[in-house]
Amino acid sequence: MSAQSSGHSPADSVRGCPLLVVIDPVARRTDGESVRIAKDVLCAGAGAKICLPEGPAEFAQALARRGRRRPVLIGDDRALLRAVELLHKERELSGVPLSLVPVGPPEAVALSRTLGVPTDAVAAARTVLDGGERPMDLLTDDSDGIVLGGLRIPCGDGDGPLPAYGPYAPHGALGERGVAAVPGAVNGDRGPEADGETEDPDGPGAGVRHWWEPAARTARTALSLLAAPAAGRRGPVRPGAAGAGGRRGRVPAQRLRLRVEADGALLADLDRPVRGVSVIPGGGDGGAVGAHPAVQPGGLAEVVVHWPGEERPVRTRARAVTVSGADFHYRADALVGGPVRTRTWTVQAGAWRLQLPR
């Protein structure tokens, strides 16, 4: 990212400013060495108070007691989402710039990477000290939920893979069940070895289908449909939630008939099924050339509706998107929401600030 397009200034530097470094317990267990390195770099460049919360309550308490210190999170995407949600609920998000040192496996820091944060501990810690604040758009929904990187609504089998879209599009396309088919996919998304099937389109077994797959797929779908009402009562499923085979976050495969409206304009109606819908904040004209839309604040969202078969998708930009129809689930960042019958997402331009490389 060039200095010309970043909009940063030397005054953004936090060297010498007091920091509140909140280290997520999952990061300490997952990669203690990266945590130690990041902590050493931060403490060498600024006065830092180190916080080691043991759970969500202590995490919230540490953030609430930050005083004049700038919060720095060491953890994965869940730590970032938790902090943004807390500040959003307190209506303090726009006034508190956030810094992040991503720590975790690639699938756990996919959102951070999409937003432009370096995933190397040293580079990320130096960005905290020498980077610059960048205003970021986000989506809010009618239940006061938030979306940072993007959301997608997957649907059923039988039409082949969707073109890449959604917050993780640069790193993988959607699989035939409408969920991410990237290695180690987040929150129950299918990975290459998820069920003993070959999903990698470029791998040595591409195109192979075994005799037991139809029966196994039928059994999985039946179990998912039986579990769906209970999952809906529990609310969104977070990554890492316990469950048989670690697949509790799976969204049942289904063909969706949805009504999709963008700023009042009708993009899809109930008379024909859609293959998928994605909404990504930051689809405006601002930001660095070539950057992912999620790091291009512009007050608009990029909306894409994919159809079955080879028909070209419908693309537009809008400030508000309403999706309605039969009960549907949606994936917002790394969380699964639903089932709901209608949901409206609205772009909040420059609603939060993130420290990024200059």
Protein backbone atom coordinates (compact mmCIF):
# COMPACT_ATOMS: atom_id res chain seq x y z
CA MET A 1 0.00 0.00 0.00
CA SER A 2 1.55 3.25 -1.10
CA ALA A 3 1.93 6.22 1.21
CA GLN A 4 0.09 8.39 -1.29
CA SER A 5 -3.09 6.31 -1.21
CA SER A 6 -3.06 5.44 2.48
CA GLY A 7 -4.04 8.82 3.86
CA HIS A 8 -1.76 8.31 6.88
CA SER A 9 0.32 10.98 8.57
CA PRO A 10 3.36 10.76 10.91
CA ALA A 11 1.11 12.00 13.71
CA ASP A 12 -0.63 8.60 13.60
CA SER A 13 2.47 6.88 15.03
CA VAL A 14 1.93 5.49 18.54
CA ARG A 15 5.61 5.32 19.52
CA GLY A 16 5.80 6.88 22.95
CA CYS A 17 2.04 6.61 23.50
CA PRO A 18 0.82 4.36 26.34
CA LEU A 19 -0.61 1.07 25.09
CA LEU A 20 -2.97 -1.46 26.60
CA VAL A 21 -1.87 -4.83 25.22
CA VAL A 22 -4.66 -7.40 25.64
CA ILE A 23 -3.42 -10.94 24.96
CA ASP A 24 -6.19 -13.37 24.13
CA PRO A 25 -5.91 -16.68 26.06
CA VAL A 26 -6.33 -18.70 22.86
CA ALA A 27 -3.28 -16.96 21.37
CA ARG A 28 -1.22 -17.78 24.47
CA ARG A 29 -2.11 -21.45 24.14
CA THR A 30 -1.81 -21.60 20.35
CA ASP A 31 1.49 -19.82 19.71
CA GLY A 32 3.22 -18.59 22.84
CA GLU A 33 6.42 -17.78 20.95
CA SER A 34 4.69 -15.33 18.57
CA VAL A 35 2.96 -13.73 21.55
CA ARG A 36 6.30 -13.28 23.31
CA ILE A 37 7.93 -11.77 20.22
CA ALA A 38 5.06 -9.34 19.65
CA LYS A 39 5.05 -8.31 23.30
CA ASP A 40 8.82 -7.65 23.24
CA VAL A 41 8.58 -5.48 20.11
CA LEU A 42 5.66 -3.47 21.52
CA CYS A 43 7.27 -2.93 24.92
CA ALA A 44 10.50 -1.81 23.27
CA GLY A 45 8.69 0.85 21.24
CA ALA A 46 6.13 2.22 23.71
CA GLY A 47 5.04 2.09 27.30
CA ALA A 48 2.73 -0.92 27.49
CA LYS A 49 0.46 -2.35 30.14
CA ILE A 50 0.02 -6.08 29.57
CA CYS A 51 -3.39 -7.67 30.22
CA LEU A 52 -3.91 -11.44 30.33
CA PRO A 53 -7.67 -12.02 30.49
CA GLU A 54 -8.84 -15.59 31.05
CA GLY A 55 -12.26 -15.22 29.43
CA PRO A 56 -14.74 -12.89 27.71
CA ALA A 57 -15.75 -11.16 30.96
CA GLU A 58 -12.17 -10.25 31.85
CA PHE A 59 -11.53 -9.26 28.23
CA ALA A 60 -14.45 -6.81 28.37
CA GLN A 61 -13.33 -5.50 31.75
CA ALA A 62 -9.80 -4.84 30.51
CA LEU A 63 -11.08 -2.96 27.48
CA ALA A 64 -13.48 -0.90 29.59
CA ARG A 65 -10.65 0.15 31.94
CA ARG A 66 -8.24 1.21 29.21
CA GLY A 67 -8.27 4.88 30.25
CA ARG A 68 -6.08 6.91 27.88
CA ARG A 69 -4.19 3.87 26.65
CA ARG A 70 -4.60 2.70 23.04
CA PRO A 71 -5.85 -0.90 22.91
CA VAL A 72 -3.68 -3.45 21.11
CA LEU A 73 -5.07 -6.95 20.64
CA ILE A 74 -2.86 -10.01 20.33
CA GLY A 75 -5.07 -12.83 19.10
CA ASP A 76 -7.08 -14.18 16.20
CA ASP A 77 -10.13 -12.88 14.33
CA ARG A 78 -12.42 -13.73 17.24
CA ALA A 79 -10.48 -11.37 19.51
CA LEU A 80 -10.86 -8.56 16.97
CA LEU A 81 -14.59 -9.23 16.51
CA ARG A 82 -15.10 -9.36 20.27
CA ALA A 83 -13.40 -5.99 20.77
CA VAL A 84 -15.33 -4.31 17.95
CA GLU A 85 -18.62 -5.71 19.24
CA LEU A 86 -17.93 -4.46 22.78
CA LEU A 87 -16.99 -0.96 21.62
CA HIS A 88 -19.97 -0.88 19.25
CA LYS A 89 -22.38 -1.75 22.06
CA GLU A 90 -20.86 1.00 24.20
CA ARG A 91 -21.15 3.43 21.26
CA GLU A 92 -17.42 4.14 21.54
CA LEU A 93 -16.20 2.39 18.40
CA SER A 94 -15.59 5.49 16.28
CA GLY A 95 -13.45 7.11 18.97
CA VAL A 96 -11.14 4.19 19.78
CA PRO A 97 -8.57 3.20 17.13
CA LEU A 98 -7.75 -0.50 17.30
CA SER A 99 -4.47 -2.27 16.66
CA LEU A 100 -4.05 -5.99 16.12
CA VAL A 101 -1.26 -8.54 16.12
CA PRO A 102 -2.84 -11.65 14.55
CA VAL A 103 -1.79 -14.90 16.23
CA GLY A 104 -3.23 -18.24 15.21
CA PRO A 105 -3.42 -20.68 12.31
CA PRO A 106 -4.15 -19.24 8.84
CA GLU A 107 -7.86 -20.04 8.97
CA ALA A 108 -8.22 -18.23 12.31
CA VAL A 109 -6.66 -14.99 11.01
CA ALA A 110 -8.23 -14.95 7.52
CA LEU A 111 -10.33 -11.88 8.30
CA SER A 112 -7.31 -9.99 9.67
CA ARG A 113 -5.37 -10.78 6.52
CA THR A 114 -8.29 -9.62 4.37
CA LEU A 115 -8.43 -6.33 6.25
CA GLY A 116 -4.74 -5.72 5.48
CA VAL A 117 -3.11 -6.53 8.82
CA PRO A 118 0.26 -8.35 8.48
CA THR A 119 0.07 -11.87 9.87
CA ASP A 120 3.76 -12.04 10.81
CA ALA A 121 4.15 -11.19 14.51
CA VAL A 122 7.13 -8.84 14.06
CA ALA A 123 5.62 -7.03 11.05
CA ALA A 124 2.26 -6.68 12.81
CA ALA A 125 3.87 -5.33 16.00
CA ARG A 126 5.87 -2.81 14.00
CA THR A 127 2.69 -1.78 12.21
CA VAL A 128 1.13 -1.08 15.61
CA LEU A 129 4.04 1.27 16.39
CA ASP A 130 4.72 2.85 13.01
CA GLY A 131 1.58 2.29 10.93
CA GLY A 132 -1.29 4.67 10.48
CA GLU A 133 -4.96 4.71 11.33
CA ARG A 134 -7.30 3.89 8.50
CA PRO A 135 -11.07 4.49 8.64
CA MET A 136 -12.97 1.30 7.84
CA ASP A 137 -16.56 0.70 6.81
CA LEU A 138 -18.68 -1.99 8.44
CA LEU A 139 -22.19 -3.38 8.15
CA THR A 140 -24.80 -3.26 10.89
CA ASP A 141 -27.97 -5.30 10.77
CA ASP A 142 -31.42 -4.79 12.24
CA SER A 143 -30.51 -6.89 15.30
CA ASP A 144 -27.50 -4.66 16.11
CA GLY A 145 -25.06 -7.22 14.73
CA ILE A 146 -21.93 -6.10 12.90
CA VAL A 147 -19.95 -7.36 9.91
CA LEU A 148 -16.37 -6.27 9.24
CA GLY A 149 -15.09 -8.24 6.26
CA GLY A 150 -18.28 -9.35 4.53
CA LEU A 151 -21.17 -11.79 4.63
CA ARG A 152 -22.49 -14.48 2.36
CA ILE A 153 -25.59 -16.60 2.10
CA PRO A 154 -24.71 -20.07 0.75
CA CYS A 155 -27.12 -22.52 -0.84
CA GLY A 156 -27.46 -26.00 -2.24
CA ASP A 157 -25.77 -28.80 -4.12
CA GLY A 158 -25.74 -29.76 -7.71
CA ASP A 159 -24.67 -26.66 -9.62
CA GLY A 160 -20.90 -26.85 -9.19
CA PRO A 161 -18.69 -24.35 -7.37
CA LEU A 162 -19.60 -20.70 -7.18
CA PRO A 163 -17.17 -18.09 -8.44
CA ALA A 164 -15.04 -16.65 -5.67
CA TYR A 165 -16.79 -14.01 -3.62
CA GLY A 166 -17.17 -12.89 -0.03
CA PRO A 167 -14.63 -11.77 2.57
CA TYR A 168 -12.25 -14.67 1.87
CA ALA A 169 -12.49 -14.62 -1.91
CA PRO A 170 -8.80 -13.77 -2.51
CA HIS A 171 -7.81 -17.03 -0.78
CA GLY A 172 -10.36 -19.51 -2.16
CA ALA A 173 -13.66 -20.03 -3.94
CA LEU A 174 -16.91 -21.45 -2.62
CA GLY A 175 -17.40 -25.18 -2.81
CA GLU A 176 -20.36 -27.06 -4.23
CA ARG A 177 -22.29 -26.76 -0.98
CA GLY A 178 -21.94 -22.99 -0.94
CA VAL A 179 -19.38 -22.86 1.88
CA ALA A 180 -15.70 -22.06 1.66
CA ALA A 181 -13.54 -24.81 0.20
CA VAL A 182 -10.21 -23.40 1.33
CA PRO A 183 -7.65 -25.29 3.44
CA GLY A 184 -8.64 -25.21 7.12
CA ALA A 185 -11.82 -23.24 6.42
CA VAL A 186 -13.33 -21.31 9.31
CA ASN A 187 -16.15 -22.46 11.58
CA GLY A 188 -17.21 -25.69 9.95
CA ASP A 189 -16.55 -24.61 6.35
CA ARG A 190 -15.40 -27.51 4.25
CA GLY A 191 -11.68 -28.07 3.96
CA PRO A 192 -10.03 -30.44 1.46
CA GLU A 193 -10.14 -33.42 3.82
CA ALA A 194 -13.38 -32.54 5.59
CA ASP A 195 -15.19 -35.79 4.90
CA GLY A 196 -12.61 -37.87 3.13
CA GLU A 197 -13.67 -36.30 -0.18
CA THR A 198 -11.36 -34.68 -2.69
CA GLU A 199 -12.38 -31.02 -2.90
CA ASP A 200 -9.19 -29.44 -4.27
CA PRO A 201 -9.90 -28.65 -7.94
CA ASP A 202 -6.18 -28.61 -8.70
CA GLY A 203 -5.21 -31.63 -6.61
CA PRO A 204 -4.33 -35.12 -7.85
CA GLY A 205 -7.80 -36.45 -7.08
CA ALA A 206 -9.76 -33.62 -8.66
CA GLY A 207 -13.12 -34.80 -9.92
CA VAL A 208 -13.01 -38.11 -7.99
CA ARG A 209 -16.28 -39.16 -6.35
CA HIS A 210 -16.54 -42.35 -4.29
CA TRP A 211 -19.43 -44.80 -4.23
CA TRP A 212 -20.32 -44.07 -0.59
CA GLU A 213 -20.56 -40.28 -0.98
CA PRO A 214 -24.29 -40.01 -1.92
CA ALA A 215 -25.33 -42.02 1.16
CA ALA A 216 -22.92 -40.12 3.41
CA ARG A 217 -24.12 -36.79 2.05
CA THR A 218 -27.75 -37.78 2.62
CA ALA A 219 -27.00 -38.77 6.21
CA ARG A 220 -25.13 -35.53 6.88
CA THR A 221 -27.93 -33.43 5.42
CA ALA A 222 -30.55 -35.24 7.51
CA LEU A 223 -28.54 -34.72 10.70
CA SER A 224 -27.99 -31.05 9.85
CA LEU A 225 -31.68 -30.45 9.22
CA LEU A 226 -32.59 -32.14 12.50
CA ALA A 227 -30.05 -30.00 14.38
CA ALA A 228 -30.94 -26.71 12.65
CA PRO A 229 -33.81 -25.61 14.96
CA ALA A 230 -31.67 -26.14 18.06
CA ALA A 231 -28.79 -24.24 16.48
CA GLY A 232 -31.14 -21.37 15.64
CA ARG A 233 -32.24 -21.09 19.27
CA ARG A 234 -28.62 -20.94 20.39
CA GLY A 235 -27.86 -18.07 18.04
CA PRO A 236 -24.67 -17.65 15.99
CA VAL A 237 -22.12 -20.45 16.30
CA ARG A 238 -18.59 -19.28 16.92
CA PRO A 239 -15.47 -20.88 15.50
CA GLY A 240 -14.12 -23.68 17.65
CA ALA A 241 -17.50 -24.51 19.20
CA ALA A 242 -17.69 -28.08 20.44
CA GLY A 243 -19.60 -30.61 18.42
CA ALA A 244 -19.38 -33.98 16.77
CA GLY A 245 -16.37 -33.93 14.51
CA GLY A 246 -16.04 -30.17 15.04
CA ARG A 247 -18.74 -29.51 12.44
CA ARG A 248 -21.34 -27.76 14.59
CA GLY A 249 -21.07 -24.58 12.51
CA ARG A 250 -22.10 -26.28 9.24
CA VAL A 251 -25.01 -24.67 7.41
CA PRO A 252 -27.45 -27.21 5.90
CA ALA A 253 -27.20 -27.41 2.13
CA GLN A 254 -30.30 -25.93 0.53
CA ARG A 255 -31.61 -24.19 -2.55
CA LEU A 256 -32.71 -20.70 -1.62
CA ARG A 257 -35.46 -18.57 -3.06
CA LEU A 258 -34.67 -15.10 -1.79
CA ARG A 259 -35.80 -11.56 -2.41
CA VAL A 260 -32.73 -9.32 -2.54
CA GLU A 261 -33.11 -5.53 -2.57
CA ALA A 262 -30.26 -3.03 -2.75
CA ASP A 263 -31.25 0.55 -1.91
CA GLY A 264 -34.80 -0.37 -2.92
CA ALA A 265 -33.80 -1.84 -6.30
CA LEU A 266 -34.86 -5.48 -6.78
CA LEU A 267 -31.94 -7.78 -7.66
CA ALA A 268 -33.61 -11.17 -7.10
CA ASP A 269 -37.12 -12.34 -6.28
CA LEU A 270 -38.76 -15.49 -4.95
CA ASP A 271 -39.72 -16.78 -8.41
CA ARG A 272 -36.25 -18.23 -9.05
CA PRO A 273 -33.53 -19.73 -6.82
CA VAL A 274 -30.16 -18.12 -6.25
CA ARG A 275 -26.85 -19.89 -5.81
CA GLY A 276 -25.43 -17.36 -3.39
CA VAL A 277 -25.45 -13.78 -2.20
CA SER A 278 -22.50 -11.79 -0.86
CA VAL A 279 -22.30 -8.32 0.67
CA ILE A 280 -18.92 -6.70 1.33
CA PRO A 281 -18.60 -3.31 3.05
CA GLY A 282 -16.29 -0.74 1.55
CA GLY A 283 -17.33 -1.18 -2.08
CA GLY A 284 -16.97 2.53 -2.80
CA ASP A 285 -14.42 4.39 -4.90
CA GLY A 286 -12.00 5.19 -2.09
CA GLY A 287 -9.03 3.24 -0.87
CA ALA A 288 -5.88 1.86 -2.38
CA VAL A 289 -5.91 0.57 -5.93
CA GLY A 290 -6.04 -3.22 -5.98
CA ALA A 291 -7.01 -3.51 -2.33
CA HIS A 292 -9.80 -5.82 -1.21
CA PRO A 293 -13.12 -3.95 -0.92
CA ALA A 294 -13.10 -4.47 2.85
CA VAL A 295 -10.17 -2.02 3.12
CA GLN A 296 -11.65 0.53 0.75
CA PRO A 297 -13.90 2.82 2.79
CA GLY A 298 -16.46 4.49 0.57
CA GLY A 299 -19.83 4.26 2.29
CA LEU A 300 -21.11 1.60 -0.11
CA ALA A 301 -21.25 -2.19 -0.07
CA GLU A 302 -20.54 -4.46 -3.01
CA VAL A 303 -23.54 -6.75 -3.51
CA VAL A 304 -23.29 -9.86 -5.71
CA VAL A 305 -26.11 -12.30 -6.55
CA HIS A 306 -25.07 -15.58 -8.20
CA TRP A 307 -27.51 -17.62 -10.28
CA PRO A 308 -27.57 -21.36 -11.01
CA GLY A 309 -25.74 -22.47 -14.13
CA GLU A 310 -23.48 -20.22 -16.15
CA GLU A 311 -25.53 -17.05 -16.04
CA ARG A 312 -23.50 -13.99 -15.12
CA PRO A 313 -23.98 -12.71 -11.56
CA VAL A 314 -25.71 -9.43 -10.78
CA ARG A 315 -23.37 -6.89 -9.18
CA THR A 316 -24.15 -3.51 -7.71
CA ARG A 317 -23.19 -1.12 -4.91
CA ALA A 318 -25.57 0.04 -2.26
CA ARG A 319 -25.84 1.53 1.22
CA ALA A 320 -28.55 -0.85 2.45
CA VAL A 321 -29.31 -4.44 1.47
CA THR A 322 -32.41 -6.39 2.50
CA VAL A 323 -32.67 -10.15 2.04
CA SER A 324 -35.93 -11.96 2.76
CA GLY A 325 -37.55 -15.30 2.04
CA ALA A 326 -37.81 -18.71 3.66
CA ASP A 327 -35.65 -19.31 6.73
CA PHE A 328 -32.01 -18.88 5.76
CA HIS A 329 -28.62 -18.86 7.47
CA TYR A 330 -25.83 -16.45 6.66
CA ARG A 331 -22.14 -16.32 7.42
CA ALA A 332 -20.91 -12.96 8.71
CA ASP A 333 -17.12 -12.87 9.01
CA ALA A 334 -16.38 -16.06 10.98
CA LEU A 335 -19.84 -16.45 12.53
CA VAL A 336 -23.00 -18.23 11.39
CA GLY A 337 -26.29 -16.38 11.93
CA GLY A 338 -29.89 -17.39 11.51
CA PRO A 339 -32.20 -18.88 10.67
CA VAL A 340 -34.05 -15.66 9.84
CA ARG A 341 -36.75 -14.72 7.34
CA THR A 342 -35.58 -11.19 6.72
CA ARG A 343 -32.50 -9.18 7.52
CA THR A 344 -31.32 -5.73 6.50
CA TRP A 345 -27.66 -4.73 6.48
CA THR A 346 -26.64 -1.08 6.32
CA VAL A 347 -23.19 0.35 5.61
CA GLN A 348 -21.71 2.53 8.33
CA ALA A 349 -19.03 4.57 6.56
CA GLY A 350 -15.76 4.99 8.46
CA ALA A 351 -17.38 3.55 11.59
CA TRP A 352 -14.13 2.21 13.04
CA ARG A 353 -10.39 2.72 12.71
CA LEU A 354 -7.66 0.13 12.34
CA GLN A 355 -3.88 0.55 12.46
CA LEU A 356 -2.46 -0.65 9.11
CA PRO A 357 0.90 -0.46 7.31
CA ARG A 358 1.57 2.89 5.70
